[in-house]
Protein backbone atom coordinates (compact mmCIF):
# COMPACT_ATOMS: atom_id res chain seq x y z
CA MET A 1 -85.23 -81.66 39.89
CA GLY A 2 -86.15 -85.35 40.40
CA ALA A 3 -89.03 -87.48 41.21
CA VAL A 4 -90.21 -87.29 45.03
CA ASP A 5 -91.53 -90.13 47.02
CA ALA A 6 -94.80 -89.22 47.73
CA LEU A 7 -95.01 -90.71 51.43
CA THR A 8 -92.20 -89.18 52.67
CA GLY A 9 -91.37 -85.62 50.93
CA GLU A 10 -87.24 -86.70 50.06
CA PRO A 11 -86.21 -87.40 46.66
CA ALA A 12 -86.78 -90.88 45.46
CA GLN A 13 -83.83 -93.08 44.54
CA ALA A 14 -83.11 -92.38 40.61
CA VAL A 15 -84.12 -95.64 37.82
CA PRO A 16 -81.58 -97.64 36.72
CA ASP A 17 -80.85 -96.76 32.88
CA GLU A 18 -82.16 -100.72 32.01
CA VAL A 19 -84.91 -100.18 33.56
CA ARG A 20 -85.57 -96.67 32.24
CA SER A 21 -85.50 -97.69 29.24
CA LEU A 22 -88.06 -100.37 29.69
CA PHE A 23 -90.25 -97.86 30.87
CA ASP A 24 -89.39 -95.94 27.46
CA ARG A 25 -91.14 -98.91 25.29
CA LEU A 26 -93.35 -99.52 27.39
CA VAL A 27 -94.51 -95.54 26.77
CA GLN A 28 -93.93 -96.22 23.19
CA TYR A 29 -95.82 -99.17 22.64
CA GLY A 30 -98.74 -97.94 25.10
CA ASN A 31 -99.26 -94.92 22.73
CA ASN A 32 -102.98 -95.78 21.80
CA GLY A 33 -103.36 -96.06 25.40
CA TYR A 34 -102.53 -99.72 25.97
CA GLY A 35 -106.04 -100.70 24.28
CA ASP A 36 -105.71 -104.23 22.65
CA ARG A 37 -107.38 -102.42 19.07
CA ARG A 38 -107.52 -104.72 16.53
CA GLY A 39 -105.63 -107.81 17.79
CA ASN A 40 -102.37 -105.66 18.93
CA TYR A 41 -99.60 -107.71 19.24
CA PHE A 42 -97.26 -104.63 21.15
CA VAL A 43 -100.05 -104.05 23.60
CA ARG A 44 -101.01 -107.90 24.16
CA GLU A 45 -97.94 -109.68 23.94
CA LEU A 46 -94.73 -106.78 24.34
CA VAL A 47 -96.05 -104.98 27.30
CA PRO A 48 -96.39 -107.69 29.93
CA GLU A 49 -93.32 -109.16 28.82
CA ILE A 50 -91.54 -105.42 29.54
CA ALA A 51 -93.45 -105.16 32.69
CA ALA A 52 -91.81 -108.87 33.88
CA ASP A 53 -89.28 -108.05 32.87
CA ILE A 54 -89.26 -105.09 34.86
CA ARG A 55 -90.75 -106.55 38.17
CA ALA A 56 -87.63 -109.24 38.05
CA THR A 57 -85.11 -106.01 38.97
CA GLY A 58 -86.92 -105.33 42.20
CA TYR A 59 -90.37 -103.07 41.13
CA THR A 60 -94.20 -104.18 41.55
CA ASN A 61 -96.86 -103.67 38.93
CA ASP A 62 -97.89 -100.41 41.43
CA PHE A 63 -94.48 -99.19 40.62
CA ILE A 64 -95.05 -99.42 37.08
CA ALA A 65 -98.37 -97.65 36.90
CA SER A 66 -96.94 -95.03 39.17
CA TYR A 67 -94.18 -93.87 36.78
CA LEU A 68 -96.17 -94.28 34.21
CA LEU A 69 -98.56 -91.33 35.23
CA ALA A 70 -95.19 -89.52 36.61
CA TYR A 71 -94.40 -89.80 32.59
CA GLY A 72 -97.95 -88.79 31.61
CA LEU A 73 -100.11 -91.16 31.54
CA THR A 74 -103.71 -90.43 31.55
CA GLU A 75 -105.81 -92.11 34.59
CA ASP A 76 -107.98 -93.99 31.56
CA ASN A 77 -104.43 -95.27 29.84
CA GLU A 78 -103.93 -95.98 33.53
CA LYS A 79 -106.18 -97.96 33.77
CA SER A 80 -105.97 -100.12 30.81
CA LEU A 81 -102.46 -101.44 31.11
CA ARG A 82 -103.38 -102.14 34.61
CA LYS A 83 -105.46 -104.76 33.01
CA VAL A 84 -102.39 -105.12 30.14
CA ILE A 85 -99.77 -106.48 32.68
CA GLY A 86 -102.51 -108.47 34.48
CA LEU A 87 -102.81 -106.54 37.64
CA VAL A 88 -106.69 -105.46 37.09
CA THR A 89 -108.46 -108.47 35.68
CA SER A 90 -111.56 -107.32 35.33
């Protein structure tokens, strides 16, 4: 069984392989919770770039965060991710 749209209950459209590989990279670079610990280059530089690449394919920051929550991201790490990708500024 694949993903289900929580609003409609209908099966969600699959994310293309190219975009899914970008999400896989976000998971990899966020393995420490997306916090910018000790100037983490991957979190500070690459995560926002990857998120921009995903947005360029038509997905929103909210979709990015939701997708990663479904992937297993914790609520605290989701908040950190949102800060890093520019959805929350504080």
